[in-house]
Amino acid sequence: MRYYISDLHFYHGSLNELMDKRGFESTEAMNEYMINKWNAKVRRGDEVVILGDFSWGTAEQTNDILSRLKGKKYLIIGNHDRFIRDKNFDTKHFLWTEHYKEIKDNKRKVILSHYPVFCYNGQYRLNEKGDPKTYMLYGHVHNTFDEYLINDFVSRTKSYTRLGIDGNYREIPCNMINCFCMYSDYTPLTLDEWIALDKERRSKMDIKEMAETGQIQL
């Protein structure tokens, strides 16, 4: 089984009070909760693709966290993954580390990037049933106003139709999924699980609610 998750930010204790407002009583409590959620889902032979910003800790601290997490791990490098450049980090914890990668997942192309890619490779590809053949998975923006803007872009894009080579007008595909860990309660999810969660979450996004919770000012 292959899973995906982004922006865990192990050892980034300030996220309990700032930005994410995760609410854990301590950095250690946050780390332990995320480890437990990961290991409750992932088995030894499973694969987990981390879409960046895995750890704010030192190389030694990050080595320790990775040694406790089950599964085969892969990293799309995020802007906060400073440990990756430390000579004391054991790179063997990851089967590969990349800034951008395209892979296959159950006959679908998956675009992997820490940063959202608005016009991604294969965006218009559909299968014989008209279902998307490509998904763009990203992180970086957490649950900020930037994510609202992305949702607005996705909604606007899907509201347009374009003439296809078959002579019929079709809705423009736009399948961008934010794999932010808090959306899944810090649990890695499969592509299909993220697709279902993303669809439900985006349908409920409300700019008025964001204003009421202090994320934006109207």
N, C-alpha and C. Protein backbone atom coordinates (compact mmCIF):
# COMPACT_ATOMS: atom_id res chain seq x y z
N MET A 1 0.85 -1.18 0.00
CA MET A 1 0.00 0.00 0.00
C MET A 1 0.89 1.24 0.00
N ARG A 2 0.44 2.25 -0.75
CA ARG A 2 1.20 3.49 -0.80
C ARG A 2 0.36 4.63 -0.19
N TYR A 3 1.01 5.40 0.67
CA TYR A 3 0.35 6.50 1.34
C TYR A 3 1.09 7.81 1.06
N TYR A 4 0.39 8.93 1.34
CA TYR A 4 0.94 10.26 1.14
C TYR A 4 0.60 11.14 2.35
N ILE A 5 1.49 12.09 2.65
CA ILE A 5 1.22 13.06 3.72
C ILE A 5 2.21 14.21 3.59
N SER A 6 1.82 15.37 4.12
CA SER A 6 2.68 16.55 3.99
C SER A 6 2.70 17.38 5.26
N ASP A 7 3.80 18.12 5.44
CA ASP A 7 3.93 19.17 6.46
C ASP A 7 3.69 18.68 7.89
N LEU A 8 4.32 17.56 8.23
CA LEU A 8 4.23 17.07 9.60
C LEU A 8 4.96 18.00 10.57
N HIS A 9 6.09 18.54 10.16
CA HIS A 9 6.84 19.49 10.98
C HIS A 9 7.17 18.93 12.37
N PHE A 10 7.76 17.74 12.40
CA PHE A 10 8.24 17.23 13.69
C PHE A 10 9.19 18.25 14.31
N TYR A 11 9.11 18.40 15.61
CA TYR A 11 9.96 19.31 16.40
C TYR A 11 9.69 20.79 16.15
N HIS A 12 8.65 21.13 15.40
CA HIS A 12 8.33 22.53 15.14
C HIS A 12 7.26 22.97 16.14
N GLY A 13 7.67 23.13 17.36
CA GLY A 13 6.75 23.35 18.46
C GLY A 13 5.93 24.62 18.35
N SER A 14 6.44 25.65 17.70
CA SER A 14 5.70 26.92 17.61
C SER A 14 4.39 26.78 16.85
N LEU A 15 4.25 25.70 16.07
CA LEU A 15 3.00 25.50 15.33
C LEU A 15 1.84 25.13 16.26
N ASN A 16 2.14 24.84 17.52
CA ASN A 16 1.06 24.59 18.48
C ASN A 16 0.32 25.86 18.84
N GLU A 17 1.02 27.00 18.78
CA GLU A 17 0.40 28.28 19.12
C GLU A 17 0.22 29.19 17.91
N LEU A 18 1.10 29.08 16.93
CA LEU A 18 1.08 29.97 15.77
C LEU A 18 0.66 29.22 14.52
N MET A 19 0.22 29.91 13.52
CA MET A 19 -0.13 29.38 12.20
C MET A 19 -1.14 28.23 12.30
N ASP A 20 -0.67 27.00 12.50
CA ASP A 20 -1.58 25.86 12.54
C ASP A 20 -2.43 25.84 13.80
N LYS A 21 -1.88 26.34 14.91
CA LYS A 21 -2.53 26.28 16.22
C LYS A 21 -2.95 24.85 16.53
N ARG A 22 -1.97 23.96 16.49
CA ARG A 22 -2.25 22.53 16.66
C ARG A 22 -2.76 22.20 18.06
N GLY A 23 -2.32 22.95 19.05
CA GLY A 23 -2.90 22.80 20.38
C GLY A 23 -2.32 21.71 21.27
N PHE A 24 -1.23 21.08 20.87
CA PHE A 24 -0.60 20.10 21.74
C PHE A 24 0.07 20.82 22.91
N GLU A 25 0.15 20.14 24.03
CA GLU A 25 0.71 20.77 25.23
C GLU A 25 2.21 20.99 25.15
N SER A 26 2.87 20.24 24.26
CA SER A 26 4.31 20.38 24.10
C SER A 26 4.74 19.83 22.74
N THR A 27 5.97 20.15 22.36
CA THR A 27 6.53 19.60 21.12
C THR A 27 6.61 18.08 21.19
N GLU A 28 7.01 17.58 22.36
CA GLU A 28 7.14 16.13 22.55
C GLU A 28 5.79 15.44 22.40
N ALA A 29 4.74 16.05 22.95
CA ALA A 29 3.40 15.47 22.83
C ALA A 29 2.95 15.44 21.37
N MET A 30 3.25 16.50 20.63
CA MET A 30 2.92 16.53 19.20
C MET A 30 3.66 15.44 18.45
N ASN A 31 4.95 15.31 18.69
CA ASN A 31 5.74 14.29 18.01
C ASN A 31 5.19 12.89 18.27
N GLU A 32 4.91 12.60 19.53
CA GLU A 32 4.43 11.26 19.89
C GLU A 32 3.07 10.98 19.27
N TYR A 33 2.20 11.98 19.24
CA TYR A 33 0.88 11.78 18.64
C TYR A 33 1.02 11.45 17.16
N MET A 34 1.87 12.18 16.46
CA MET A 34 2.03 11.94 15.02
C MET A 34 2.68 10.59 14.75
N ILE A 35 3.62 10.19 15.56
CA ILE A 35 4.24 8.87 15.41
C ILE A 35 3.20 7.77 15.59
N ASN A 36 2.37 7.91 16.61
CA ASN A 36 1.35 6.90 16.89
C ASN A 36 0.31 6.82 15.77
N LYS A 37 -0.09 7.96 15.24
CA LYS A 37 -1.07 7.96 14.15
C LYS A 37 -0.49 7.31 12.90
N TRP A 38 0.77 7.61 12.62
CA TRP A 38 1.47 7.01 11.47
C TRP A 38 1.52 5.50 11.62
N ASN A 39 2.03 5.03 12.75
CA ASN A 39 2.25 3.60 12.94
C ASN A 39 0.97 2.80 13.11
N ALA A 40 -0.12 3.47 13.45
CA ALA A 40 -1.41 2.78 13.53
C ALA A 40 -1.94 2.44 12.14
N LYS A 41 -1.47 3.14 11.11
CA LYS A 41 -1.96 2.94 9.74
C LYS A 41 -0.95 2.19 8.87
N VAL A 42 0.30 2.55 8.98
CA VAL A 42 1.33 2.06 8.07
C VAL A 42 1.93 0.75 8.59
N ARG A 43 2.12 -0.20 7.67
CA ARG A 43 2.78 -1.46 8.01
C ARG A 43 4.19 -1.47 7.42
N ARG A 44 4.97 -2.45 7.84
CA ARG A 44 6.39 -2.46 7.49
C ARG A 44 6.63 -2.42 5.99
N GLY A 45 5.84 -3.12 5.19
CA GLY A 45 6.05 -3.16 3.75
C GLY A 45 5.39 -2.05 2.97
N ASP A 46 4.65 -1.18 3.65
CA ASP A 46 3.96 -0.08 2.97
C ASP A 46 4.95 1.02 2.58
N GLU A 47 4.50 1.88 1.66
CA GLU A 47 5.30 3.01 1.21
C GLU A 47 4.61 4.31 1.64
N VAL A 48 5.41 5.28 2.06
CA VAL A 48 4.86 6.59 2.43
C VAL A 48 5.67 7.67 1.72
N VAL A 49 4.98 8.46 0.92
CA VAL A 49 5.60 9.60 0.25
C VAL A 49 5.30 10.84 1.08
N ILE A 50 6.36 11.49 1.57
CA ILE A 50 6.22 12.71 2.38
C ILE A 50 6.43 13.91 1.45
N LEU A 51 5.43 14.78 1.40
CA LEU A 51 5.46 15.90 0.45
C LEU A 51 6.08 17.16 1.08
N GLY A 52 7.15 16.97 1.80
CA GLY A 52 7.93 18.10 2.29
C GLY A 52 7.62 18.53 3.70
N ASP A 53 8.57 19.30 4.26
CA ASP A 53 8.51 19.84 5.62
C ASP A 53 8.21 18.73 6.63
N PHE A 54 9.07 17.73 6.60
CA PHE A 54 8.92 16.60 7.51
C PHE A 54 9.36 16.95 8.92
N SER A 55 10.50 17.62 9.04
CA SER A 55 11.04 17.86 10.39
C SER A 55 11.78 19.18 10.47
N TRP A 56 11.57 19.87 11.60
CA TRP A 56 12.29 21.09 11.94
C TRP A 56 13.43 20.78 12.91
N GLY A 57 13.59 19.50 13.25
CA GLY A 57 14.60 19.09 14.21
C GLY A 57 15.98 18.98 13.61
N THR A 58 16.94 18.69 14.47
CA THR A 58 18.31 18.47 14.01
C THR A 58 18.39 17.17 13.23
N ALA A 59 19.54 16.93 12.62
CA ALA A 59 19.75 15.67 11.89
C ALA A 59 19.57 14.48 12.83
N GLU A 60 20.13 14.58 14.03
CA GLU A 60 20.05 13.48 14.99
C GLU A 60 18.60 13.25 15.45
N GLN A 61 17.89 14.32 15.71
CA GLN A 61 16.48 14.19 16.12
C GLN A 61 15.64 13.59 15.00
N THR A 62 15.91 14.02 13.79
CA THR A 62 15.14 13.51 12.65
C THR A 62 15.47 12.05 12.38
N ASN A 63 16.74 11.67 12.54
CA ASN A 63 17.12 10.25 12.42
C ASN A 63 16.31 9.40 13.40
N ASP A 64 16.17 9.89 14.62
CA ASP A 64 15.45 9.15 15.65
C ASP A 64 13.98 9.00 15.28
N ILE A 65 13.35 10.08 14.81
CA ILE A 65 11.94 10.01 14.42
C ILE A 65 11.75 9.00 13.29
N LEU A 66 12.58 9.08 12.28
CA LEU A 66 12.44 8.20 11.12
C LEU A 66 12.65 6.74 11.49
N SER A 67 13.53 6.48 12.43
CA SER A 67 13.78 5.10 12.85
C SER A 67 12.57 4.49 13.56
N ARG A 68 11.69 5.33 14.05
CA ARG A 68 10.51 4.87 14.78
C ARG A 68 9.28 4.73 13.89
N LEU A 69 9.34 5.26 12.68
CA LEU A 69 8.19 5.22 11.78
C LEU A 69 8.24 4.00 10.88
N LYS A 70 7.14 3.30 10.77
CA LYS A 70 7.06 2.10 9.94
C LYS A 70 7.03 2.46 8.46
N GLY A 71 7.37 1.47 7.63
CA GLY A 71 7.22 1.61 6.19
C GLY A 71 8.47 2.11 5.48
N LYS A 72 8.39 2.03 4.15
CA LYS A 72 9.44 2.55 3.28
C LYS A 72 9.13 4.01 2.98
N LYS A 73 10.10 4.87 3.21
CA LYS A 73 9.81 6.30 3.18
C LYS A 73 10.53 7.01 2.03
N TYR A 74 9.82 7.98 1.44
CA TYR A 74 10.32 8.78 0.32
C TYR A 74 10.06 10.24 0.65
N LEU A 75 10.97 11.12 0.25
CA LEU A 75 10.81 12.53 0.60
C LEU A 75 10.85 13.45 -0.62
N ILE A 76 9.78 14.25 -0.76
CA ILE A 76 9.82 15.43 -1.62
C ILE A 76 10.30 16.56 -0.72
N ILE A 77 11.41 17.16 -1.04
CA ILE A 77 12.06 18.11 -0.13
C ILE A 77 11.27 19.41 -0.03
N GLY A 78 11.01 19.84 1.21
CA GLY A 78 10.31 21.10 1.46
C GLY A 78 11.27 22.18 1.91
N ASN A 79 10.77 23.39 2.00
CA ASN A 79 11.63 24.52 2.36
C ASN A 79 12.11 24.48 3.80
N HIS A 80 11.48 23.68 4.67
CA HIS A 80 11.90 23.58 6.05
C HIS A 80 12.72 22.33 6.35
N ASP A 81 13.00 21.53 5.36
CA ASP A 81 13.75 20.28 5.58
C ASP A 81 15.25 20.54 5.59
N ARG A 82 15.69 21.38 6.52
CA ARG A 82 17.10 21.76 6.59
C ARG A 82 18.00 20.59 7.01
N PHE A 83 17.42 19.59 7.67
CA PHE A 83 18.20 18.44 8.12
C PHE A 83 18.85 17.69 6.95
N ILE A 84 18.25 17.81 5.77
CA ILE A 84 18.71 17.03 4.62
C ILE A 84 20.13 17.41 4.21
N ARG A 85 20.57 18.62 4.58
CA ARG A 85 21.90 19.10 4.20
C ARG A 85 22.94 18.85 5.29
N ASP A 86 22.52 18.28 6.40
CA ASP A 86 23.42 18.03 7.52
C ASP A 86 24.16 16.71 7.31
N LYS A 87 25.47 16.74 7.47
CA LYS A 87 26.27 15.53 7.24
C LYS A 87 25.94 14.43 8.24
N ASN A 88 25.31 14.77 9.35
CA ASN A 88 24.95 13.77 10.35
C ASN A 88 23.61 13.10 10.08
N PHE A 89 22.91 13.56 9.04
CA PHE A 89 21.65 12.91 8.70
C PHE A 89 21.92 11.65 7.91
N ASP A 90 21.24 10.58 8.28
CA ASP A 90 21.38 9.29 7.60
C ASP A 90 20.41 9.23 6.42
N THR A 91 20.92 9.45 5.24
CA THR A 91 20.07 9.50 4.04
C THR A 91 19.43 8.15 3.70
N LYS A 92 19.91 7.08 4.33
CA LYS A 92 19.34 5.76 4.06
C LYS A 92 17.92 5.61 4.59
N HIS A 93 17.49 6.57 5.40
CA HIS A 93 16.10 6.52 5.89
C HIS A 93 15.11 6.68 4.75
N PHE A 94 15.52 7.35 3.66
CA PHE A 94 14.65 7.56 2.51
C PHE A 94 15.16 6.77 1.32
N LEU A 95 14.26 6.09 0.60
CA LEU A 95 14.66 5.38 -0.60
C LEU A 95 15.03 6.34 -1.70
N TRP A 96 14.38 7.51 -1.72
CA TRP A 96 14.83 8.61 -2.58
C TRP A 96 14.38 9.93 -1.98
N THR A 97 15.11 10.97 -2.34
CA THR A 97 14.72 12.34 -2.01
C THR A 97 14.77 13.16 -3.30
N GLU A 98 13.70 13.89 -3.57
CA GLU A 98 13.60 14.68 -4.79
C GLU A 98 12.88 15.99 -4.48
N HIS A 99 13.09 16.99 -5.33
CA HIS A 99 12.33 18.23 -5.22
C HIS A 99 11.01 18.13 -5.99
N TYR A 100 10.98 17.28 -7.00
CA TYR A 100 9.79 17.09 -7.84
C TYR A 100 9.88 15.71 -8.44
N LYS A 101 8.74 15.03 -8.51
CA LYS A 101 8.77 13.69 -9.10
C LYS A 101 7.39 13.33 -9.64
N GLU A 102 7.37 12.50 -10.70
CA GLU A 102 6.14 11.97 -11.26
C GLU A 102 6.18 10.45 -11.13
N ILE A 103 5.12 9.87 -10.54
CA ILE A 103 5.07 8.43 -10.34
C ILE A 103 3.73 7.90 -10.81
N LYS A 104 3.59 6.58 -10.79
CA LYS A 104 2.33 5.93 -11.13
C LYS A 104 1.71 5.35 -9.86
N ASP A 105 0.41 5.45 -9.76
CA ASP A 105 -0.33 4.88 -8.63
C ASP A 105 -1.62 4.29 -9.17
N ASN A 106 -1.66 3.00 -9.29
CA ASN A 106 -2.85 2.29 -9.77
C ASN A 106 -3.34 2.87 -11.10
N LYS A 107 -2.43 2.91 -12.09
CA LYS A 107 -2.71 3.34 -13.46
C LYS A 107 -2.98 4.84 -13.58
N ARG A 108 -2.67 5.59 -12.53
CA ARG A 108 -2.82 7.05 -12.58
C ARG A 108 -1.45 7.70 -12.38
N LYS A 109 -1.24 8.82 -13.08
CA LYS A 109 -0.03 9.60 -12.86
C LYS A 109 -0.23 10.49 -11.65
N VAL A 110 0.80 10.56 -10.81
CA VAL A 110 0.75 11.44 -9.64
C VAL A 110 1.93 12.40 -9.71
N ILE A 111 1.61 13.69 -9.72
CA ILE A 111 2.62 14.74 -9.71
C ILE A 111 2.91 15.08 -8.25
N LEU A 112 4.18 14.99 -7.86
CA LEU A 112 4.57 15.21 -6.47
C LEU A 112 5.43 16.46 -6.37
N SER A 113 4.98 17.42 -5.56
CA SER A 113 5.75 18.65 -5.34
C SER A 113 5.36 19.22 -3.99
N HIS A 114 6.34 19.77 -3.27
CA HIS A 114 5.99 20.44 -2.01
C HIS A 114 5.12 21.65 -2.29
N TYR A 115 5.39 22.33 -3.38
CA TYR A 115 4.66 23.54 -3.74
C TYR A 115 3.58 23.22 -4.76
N PRO A 116 2.39 23.82 -4.64
CA PRO A 116 1.31 23.55 -5.60
C PRO A 116 1.70 23.96 -7.02
N VAL A 117 1.38 23.09 -7.97
CA VAL A 117 1.64 23.36 -9.39
C VAL A 117 0.30 23.54 -10.07
N PHE A 118 0.01 24.74 -10.53
CA PHE A 118 -1.33 25.05 -11.04
C PHE A 118 -1.59 24.47 -12.42
N CYS A 119 -0.60 24.41 -13.26
CA CYS A 119 -0.76 23.82 -14.60
C CYS A 119 0.20 22.65 -14.69
N TYR A 120 -0.24 21.50 -14.22
CA TYR A 120 0.64 20.34 -14.05
C TYR A 120 0.62 19.43 -15.27
N ASN A 121 1.67 18.67 -15.42
CA ASN A 121 1.82 17.76 -16.54
C ASN A 121 0.73 16.70 -16.54
N GLY A 122 0.01 16.57 -17.64
CA GLY A 122 -1.04 15.56 -17.76
C GLY A 122 -2.39 16.00 -17.22
N GLN A 123 -2.55 17.28 -16.97
CA GLN A 123 -3.79 17.79 -16.36
C GLN A 123 -5.03 17.41 -17.16
N TYR A 124 -4.94 17.40 -18.48
CA TYR A 124 -6.12 17.18 -19.32
C TYR A 124 -6.39 15.71 -19.64
N ARG A 125 -5.52 14.83 -19.15
CA ARG A 125 -5.65 13.41 -19.51
C ARG A 125 -6.79 12.76 -18.76
N LEU A 126 -7.68 12.07 -19.51
CA LEU A 126 -8.79 11.33 -18.94
C LEU A 126 -8.76 9.90 -19.47
N ASN A 127 -9.30 8.98 -18.71
CA ASN A 127 -9.37 7.60 -19.19
C ASN A 127 -10.63 7.41 -20.03
N GLU A 128 -10.87 6.17 -20.46
CA GLU A 128 -11.98 5.90 -21.37
C GLU A 128 -13.34 6.18 -20.71
N LYS A 129 -13.38 6.22 -19.36
CA LYS A 129 -14.62 6.52 -18.65
C LYS A 129 -14.78 8.01 -18.38
N GLY A 130 -13.77 8.78 -18.76
CA GLY A 130 -13.82 10.21 -18.50
C GLY A 130 -13.29 10.61 -17.14
N ASP A 131 -12.66 9.66 -16.43
CA ASP A 131 -12.10 9.95 -15.12
C ASP A 131 -10.68 10.48 -15.26
N PRO A 132 -10.22 11.31 -14.31
CA PRO A 132 -8.86 11.86 -14.39
C PRO A 132 -7.79 10.77 -14.38
N LYS A 133 -6.76 10.99 -15.18
CA LYS A 133 -5.62 10.08 -15.19
C LYS A 133 -4.42 10.67 -14.45
N THR A 134 -4.56 11.93 -14.00
CA THR A 134 -3.44 12.60 -13.34
C THR A 134 -3.92 13.40 -12.14
N TYR A 135 -3.17 13.31 -11.04
CA TYR A 135 -3.44 14.08 -9.84
C TYR A 135 -2.18 14.81 -9.40
N MET A 136 -2.36 16.04 -8.90
CA MET A 136 -1.25 16.85 -8.43
C MET A 136 -1.33 16.95 -6.90
N LEU A 137 -0.37 16.32 -6.21
CA LEU A 137 -0.34 16.34 -4.75
C LEU A 137 0.70 17.33 -4.26
N TYR A 138 0.32 18.14 -3.29
CA TYR A 138 1.21 19.21 -2.81
C TYR A 138 1.04 19.40 -1.31
N GLY A 139 1.84 20.32 -0.77
CA GLY A 139 1.76 20.72 0.63
C GLY A 139 2.02 22.21 0.74
N HIS A 140 2.88 22.57 1.68
CA HIS A 140 3.43 23.92 1.84
C HIS A 140 2.46 24.95 2.41
N VAL A 141 1.23 25.01 1.91
CA VAL A 141 0.34 26.11 2.28
C VAL A 141 -0.47 25.83 3.55
N HIS A 142 -0.37 24.61 4.10
CA HIS A 142 -1.11 24.24 5.30
C HIS A 142 -2.60 24.57 5.11
N ASN A 143 -3.23 25.14 6.14
CA ASN A 143 -4.64 25.51 6.03
C ASN A 143 -4.76 27.04 6.09
N THR A 144 -4.01 27.71 5.25
CA THR A 144 -3.95 29.17 5.25
C THR A 144 -4.85 29.75 4.16
N PHE A 145 -4.84 31.07 4.07
CA PHE A 145 -5.60 31.74 3.02
C PHE A 145 -5.10 31.33 1.64
N ASP A 146 -3.82 30.98 1.52
CA ASP A 146 -3.30 30.49 0.24
C ASP A 146 -4.08 29.27 -0.22
N GLU A 147 -4.46 28.41 0.72
CA GLU A 147 -5.24 27.23 0.35
C GLU A 147 -6.63 27.63 -0.13
N TYR A 148 -7.20 28.66 0.46
CA TYR A 148 -8.48 29.16 -0.04
C TYR A 148 -8.34 29.66 -1.48
N LEU A 149 -7.24 30.37 -1.77
CA LEU A 149 -7.02 30.87 -3.13
C LEU A 149 -6.85 29.71 -4.11
N ILE A 150 -6.18 28.65 -3.67
CA ILE A 150 -6.04 27.48 -4.53
C ILE A 150 -7.40 26.86 -4.80
N ASN A 151 -8.22 26.77 -3.77
CA ASN A 151 -9.56 26.22 -3.96
C ASN A 151 -10.36 27.06 -4.94
N ASP A 152 -10.20 28.37 -4.85
CA ASP A 152 -10.88 29.27 -5.78
C ASP A 152 -10.41 29.02 -7.21
N PHE A 153 -9.09 28.83 -7.38
CA PHE A 153 -8.55 28.53 -8.71
C PHE A 153 -9.11 27.21 -9.24
N VAL A 154 -9.14 26.18 -8.38
CA VAL A 154 -9.65 24.86 -8.79
C VAL A 154 -11.11 24.98 -9.22
N SER A 155 -11.90 25.67 -8.40
CA SER A 155 -13.33 25.81 -8.71
C SER A 155 -13.56 26.58 -10.01
N ARG A 156 -12.81 27.66 -10.19
CA ARG A 156 -12.96 28.46 -11.40
C ARG A 156 -12.54 27.67 -12.64
N THR A 157 -11.45 26.94 -12.52
CA THR A 157 -10.96 26.16 -13.65
C THR A 157 -11.99 25.12 -14.08
N LYS A 158 -12.59 24.45 -13.09
CA LYS A 158 -13.57 23.41 -13.39
C LYS A 158 -14.88 23.99 -13.93
N SER A 159 -15.09 25.27 -13.77
CA SER A 159 -16.33 25.88 -14.26
C SER A 159 -16.28 26.17 -15.75
N TYR A 160 -15.08 26.05 -16.34
CA TYR A 160 -14.92 26.28 -17.77
C TYR A 160 -14.98 24.96 -18.53
N THR A 161 -15.38 25.07 -19.80
CA THR A 161 -15.32 23.91 -20.69
C THR A 161 -14.39 24.24 -21.85
N ARG A 162 -13.86 23.19 -22.43
CA ARG A 162 -12.91 23.37 -23.54
C ARG A 162 -13.22 22.34 -24.61
N LEU A 163 -13.10 22.75 -25.86
CA LEU A 163 -13.37 21.85 -26.97
C LEU A 163 -12.28 20.79 -27.07
N GLY A 164 -12.69 19.51 -27.02
CA GLY A 164 -11.74 18.42 -27.10
C GLY A 164 -11.50 17.98 -28.53
N ILE A 165 -10.53 17.08 -28.71
CA ILE A 165 -10.20 16.60 -30.04
C ILE A 165 -11.33 15.77 -30.65
N ASP A 166 -12.27 15.32 -29.79
CA ASP A 166 -13.41 14.55 -30.29
C ASP A 166 -14.56 15.46 -30.74
N GLY A 167 -14.35 16.79 -30.63
CA GLY A 167 -15.38 17.73 -31.06
C GLY A 167 -16.40 18.08 -30.00
N ASN A 168 -16.24 17.53 -28.79
CA ASN A 168 -17.17 17.81 -27.69
C ASN A 168 -16.52 18.74 -26.67
N TYR A 169 -17.36 19.58 -26.04
CA TYR A 169 -16.88 20.44 -24.97
C TYR A 169 -16.88 19.66 -23.65
N ARG A 170 -15.77 19.77 -22.92
CA ARG A 170 -15.65 19.06 -21.65
C ARG A 170 -15.16 20.01 -20.56
N GLU A 171 -15.56 19.70 -19.33
CA GLU A 171 -15.05 20.44 -18.18
C GLU A 171 -13.53 20.30 -18.11
N ILE A 172 -12.86 21.39 -17.76
CA ILE A 172 -11.40 21.34 -17.65
C ILE A 172 -11.03 20.65 -16.33
N PRO A 173 -10.27 19.57 -16.40
CA PRO A 173 -9.87 18.88 -15.17
C PRO A 173 -8.91 19.74 -14.35
N CYS A 174 -9.03 19.65 -13.04
CA CYS A 174 -8.07 20.32 -12.14
C CYS A 174 -8.09 19.55 -10.83
N ASN A 175 -7.17 18.63 -10.71
CA ASN A 175 -7.17 17.71 -9.57
C ASN A 175 -5.94 17.94 -8.70
N MET A 176 -5.98 19.05 -7.96
CA MET A 176 -4.91 19.42 -7.04
C MET A 176 -5.36 19.06 -5.63
N ILE A 177 -4.51 18.32 -4.91
CA ILE A 177 -4.88 17.86 -3.57
C ILE A 177 -3.81 18.26 -2.57
N ASN A 178 -4.22 19.00 -1.56
CA ASN A 178 -3.34 19.39 -0.46
C ASN A 178 -3.32 18.27 0.57
N CYS A 179 -2.19 17.60 0.72
CA CYS A 179 -2.07 16.46 1.64
C CYS A 179 -1.62 16.89 3.02
N PHE A 180 -2.07 18.06 3.45
CA PHE A 180 -1.71 18.61 4.76
C PHE A 180 -2.11 17.66 5.87
N CYS A 181 -1.16 17.37 6.76
CA CYS A 181 -1.36 16.34 7.77
C CYS A 181 -2.55 16.58 8.70
N MET A 182 -2.86 17.83 8.99
CA MET A 182 -3.97 18.09 9.90
C MET A 182 -5.32 17.74 9.29
N TYR A 183 -5.40 17.74 7.96
CA TYR A 183 -6.65 17.36 7.31
C TYR A 183 -6.98 15.89 7.56
N SER A 184 -5.97 15.07 7.74
CA SER A 184 -6.17 13.63 7.94
C SER A 184 -5.89 13.21 9.37
N ASP A 185 -5.88 14.16 10.29
CA ASP A 185 -5.53 13.89 11.69
C ASP A 185 -4.16 13.21 11.77
N TYR A 186 -3.21 13.73 11.00
CA TYR A 186 -1.80 13.30 11.01
C TYR A 186 -1.60 11.86 10.56
N THR A 187 -2.55 11.34 9.80
CA THR A 187 -2.48 9.96 9.32
C THR A 187 -2.18 9.92 7.83
N PRO A 188 -1.16 9.20 7.39
CA PRO A 188 -0.92 9.04 5.95
C PRO A 188 -2.12 8.36 5.29
N LEU A 189 -2.49 8.82 4.09
CA LEU A 189 -3.65 8.27 3.39
C LEU A 189 -3.25 7.82 1.99
N THR A 190 -4.02 6.89 1.44
CA THR A 190 -3.83 6.47 0.05
C THR A 190 -4.31 7.58 -0.88
N LEU A 191 -3.99 7.45 -2.16
CA LEU A 191 -4.47 8.43 -3.14
C LEU A 191 -5.99 8.48 -3.14
N ASP A 192 -6.65 7.34 -3.14
CA ASP A 192 -8.11 7.32 -3.16
C ASP A 192 -8.70 7.95 -1.90
N GLU A 193 -8.06 7.72 -0.77
CA GLU A 193 -8.53 8.33 0.47
C GLU A 193 -8.37 9.85 0.44
N TRP A 194 -7.26 10.32 -0.12
CA TRP A 194 -7.06 11.77 -0.24
C TRP A 194 -8.06 12.38 -1.22
N ILE A 195 -8.35 11.67 -2.32
CA ILE A 195 -9.32 12.17 -3.30
C ILE A 195 -10.68 12.39 -2.63
N ALA A 196 -11.13 11.39 -1.86
CA ALA A 196 -12.42 11.48 -1.19
C ALA A 196 -12.43 12.58 -0.14
N LEU A 197 -11.37 12.66 0.66
CA LEU A 197 -11.29 13.68 1.70
C LEU A 197 -11.23 15.08 1.12
N ASP A 198 -10.45 15.23 0.04
CA ASP A 198 -10.30 16.53 -0.59
C ASP A 198 -11.62 17.02 -1.19
N LYS A 199 -12.34 16.13 -1.81
CA LYS A 199 -13.62 16.50 -2.41
C LYS A 199 -14.59 17.00 -1.35
N GLU A 200 -14.66 16.28 -0.24
CA GLU A 200 -15.56 16.68 0.84
C GLU A 200 -15.12 18.00 1.47
N ARG A 201 -13.82 18.14 1.70
CA ARG A 201 -13.31 19.34 2.35
C ARG A 201 -13.52 20.58 1.50
N ARG A 202 -13.20 20.50 0.21
CA ARG A 202 -13.34 21.67 -0.66
C ARG A 202 -14.80 22.09 -0.83
N SER A 203 -15.70 21.14 -0.77
CA SER A 203 -17.11 21.48 -0.93
C SER A 203 -17.63 22.28 0.26
N LYS A 204 -16.89 22.22 1.38
CA LYS A 204 -17.35 22.90 2.60
C LYS A 204 -16.57 24.18 2.89
N MET A 205 -15.56 24.50 2.07
CA MET A 205 -14.77 25.70 2.33
C MET A 205 -15.65 26.94 2.17
N ASP A 206 -15.56 27.82 3.15
CA ASP A 206 -16.43 28.99 3.21
C ASP A 206 -15.60 30.21 3.60
N ILE A 207 -15.58 31.22 2.76
CA ILE A 207 -14.79 32.41 3.04
C ILE A 207 -15.29 33.14 4.28
N LYS A 208 -16.60 33.10 4.55
CA LYS A 208 -17.13 33.73 5.75
C LYS A 208 -16.62 33.02 7.00
N GLU A 209 -16.56 31.70 6.94
CA GLU A 209 -16.06 30.93 8.07
C GLU A 209 -14.59 31.25 8.32
N MET A 210 -13.83 31.41 7.25
CA MET A 210 -12.42 31.75 7.38
C MET A 210 -12.26 33.12 8.04
N ALA A 211 -13.13 34.04 7.73
CA ALA A 211 -13.08 35.37 8.34
C ALA A 211 -13.41 35.29 9.83
N GLU A 212 -14.41 34.46 10.16
CA GLU A 212 -14.83 34.33 11.54
C GLU A 212 -13.75 33.68 12.41
N THR A 213 -12.96 32.81 11.83
CA THR A 213 -11.90 32.14 12.58
C THR A 213 -10.59 32.91 12.54
N GLY A 214 -10.60 34.09 11.92
CA GLY A 214 -9.43 34.95 11.94
C GLY A 214 -8.38 34.64 10.91
N GLN A 215 -8.68 33.76 9.95
CA GLN A 215 -7.69 33.42 8.91
C GLN A 215 -7.52 34.54 7.90
N ILE A 216 -8.59 35.30 7.67
CA ILE A 216 -8.54 36.40 6.71
C ILE A 216 -9.36 37.56 7.24
N GLN A 217 -9.20 38.73 6.63
CA GLN A 217 -10.03 39.88 6.96
C GLN A 217 -10.80 40.28 5.70
N LEU A 218 -12.09 40.46 5.86
CA LEU A 218 -12.93 40.88 4.72
C LEU A 218 -13.01 42.39 4.66
